[in-house]
Amino acid sequence: MTAINQATASQFGAVTCNGKTYTLTSEADFTSRWLPGEYTNYVDATQGDEYDFEMSASAVDEDGNECTVYWIFSDTKGEEAELDTFDYSVAERVMPS
């Protein structure tokens, strides 16, 4: 890991996806993407029902290539947990930037 990756890893952390490690270069934030049919989006859930949402963050792979990592989480409408309580250690998918 390069010195830059070590510095950002200590600031934002690192995640894995499909057996590879990615160093985050930003905090995770909502994508506001409409999730496909197998998921329940916030607007489709009623109070007290579970819904799904997607978060993303900028990252670099083990070779220093920039990418974006994505997570999909579930929460309960009206009883939302703090975002830092979710497990960000394993990403759902990774896309090149």
Protein backbone atom coordinates (compact mmCIF):
# COMPACT_ATOMS: atom_id res chain seq x y z
CA MET A 1 0.00 0.00 0.00
CA THR A 2 1.42 3.40 -0.92
CA ALA A 3 1.86 6.21 1.59
CA ILE A 4 -1.16 8.02 0.12
CA ASN A 5 -3.31 4.89 0.41
CA GLN A 6 -2.15 4.35 3.99
CA ALA A 7 -3.11 7.93 4.88
CA THR A 8 -6.58 7.71 3.30
CA ALA A 9 -7.14 4.22 4.74
CA SER A 10 -6.58 5.60 8.22
CA GLN A 11 -8.98 8.47 7.48
CA PHE A 12 -11.82 6.70 5.62
CA GLY A 13 -10.99 2.99 5.91
CA ALA A 14 -10.80 0.14 3.47
CA VAL A 15 -13.42 -2.33 2.25
CA THR A 16 -13.45 -5.60 0.38
CA CYS A 17 -15.50 -6.76 -2.57
CA ASN A 18 -15.08 -10.08 -4.36
CA GLY A 19 -11.84 -10.77 -2.50
CA LYS A 20 -10.16 -7.47 -3.41
CA THR A 21 -9.36 -4.57 -1.07
CA TYR A 22 -10.34 -0.98 -1.86
CA THR A 23 -9.10 2.06 0.03
CA LEU A 24 -11.82 4.66 0.52
CA THR A 25 -10.91 8.22 -0.45
CA SER A 26 -14.18 9.82 0.67
CA GLU A 27 -17.01 9.27 3.12
CA ALA A 28 -20.00 7.22 2.03
CA ASP A 29 -23.06 9.16 0.90
CA PHE A 30 -26.54 8.35 -0.43
CA THR A 31 -26.75 7.67 -4.16
CA SER A 32 -30.51 8.45 -4.37
CA ARG A 33 -30.67 5.73 -7.02
CA TRP A 34 -34.01 4.00 -7.55
CA LEU A 35 -33.29 0.36 -6.67
CA PRO A 36 -34.61 -2.45 -8.92
CA GLY A 37 -37.64 -4.68 -8.24
CA GLU A 38 -36.22 -7.07 -5.64
CA TYR A 39 -35.65 -4.11 -3.29
CA THR A 40 -38.15 -1.90 -1.47
CA ASN A 41 -37.43 1.79 -1.98
CA TYR A 42 -38.12 4.35 0.75
CA VAL A 43 -41.17 5.82 -1.01
CA ASP A 44 -42.71 2.34 -1.38
CA ALA A 45 -42.41 1.51 2.33
CA THR A 46 -45.00 2.51 4.90
CA GLN A 47 -44.17 3.65 8.42
CA GLY A 48 -42.55 0.75 10.31
CA ASP A 49 -41.76 -1.27 7.15
CA GLU A 50 -38.26 -2.17 6.02
CA TYR A 51 -36.81 -0.41 2.97
CA ASP A 52 -33.49 -0.53 1.10
CA PHE A 53 -31.11 2.25 0.14
CA GLU A 54 -27.76 2.57 -1.59
CA MET A 55 -24.61 4.36 -0.43
CA SER A 56 -21.40 4.98 -2.39
CA ALA A 57 -17.89 6.31 -1.82
CA SER A 58 -14.85 7.06 -3.94
CA ALA A 59 -11.98 4.59 -3.59
CA VAL A 60 -8.81 3.27 -5.17
CA ASP A 61 -8.05 -0.37 -5.85
CA GLU A 62 -4.87 -2.22 -4.93
CA ASP A 63 -3.20 -0.90 -8.13
CA GLY A 64 -4.18 2.73 -7.45
CA ASN A 65 -7.02 2.84 -10.01
CA GLU A 66 -9.89 5.14 -9.05
CA CYS A 67 -13.30 3.55 -8.59
CA THR A 68 -16.58 3.89 -6.74
CA VAL A 69 -17.75 1.32 -4.20
CA TYR A 70 -21.43 0.74 -3.44
CA TRP A 71 -23.35 -0.74 -0.53
CA ILE A 72 -27.04 -1.58 -0.20
CA PHE A 73 -28.49 -1.39 3.29
CA SER A 74 -31.90 -1.96 4.84
CA ASP A 75 -33.55 0.18 7.49
CA THR A 76 -36.99 0.68 9.02
CA LYS A 77 -39.02 3.66 7.92
CA GLY A 78 -39.58 5.99 10.85
CA GLU A 79 -37.01 4.20 13.02
CA GLU A 80 -33.87 4.94 11.00
CA ALA A 81 -30.53 3.94 12.54
CA GLU A 82 -27.48 6.20 12.58
CA LEU A 83 -25.51 5.72 9.35
CA ASP A 84 -22.31 4.89 11.23
CA THR A 85 -23.99 1.78 12.72
CA PHE A 86 -24.11 -0.01 9.36
CA ASP A 87 -21.37 -2.47 8.35
CA TYR A 88 -19.35 -0.89 5.54
CA SER A 89 -16.58 -3.53 5.59
CA VAL A 90 -17.85 -5.40 2.51
CA ALA A 91 -19.10 -3.53 -0.55
CA GLU A 92 -21.95 -4.75 -2.74
CA ARG A 93 -20.25 -3.78 -6.01
CA VAL A 94 -17.41 -1.69 -7.46
CA MET A 95 -17.42 0.38 -10.64
CA PRO A 96 -14.39 2.02 -12.33
CA SER A 97 -14.44 5.83 -12.28
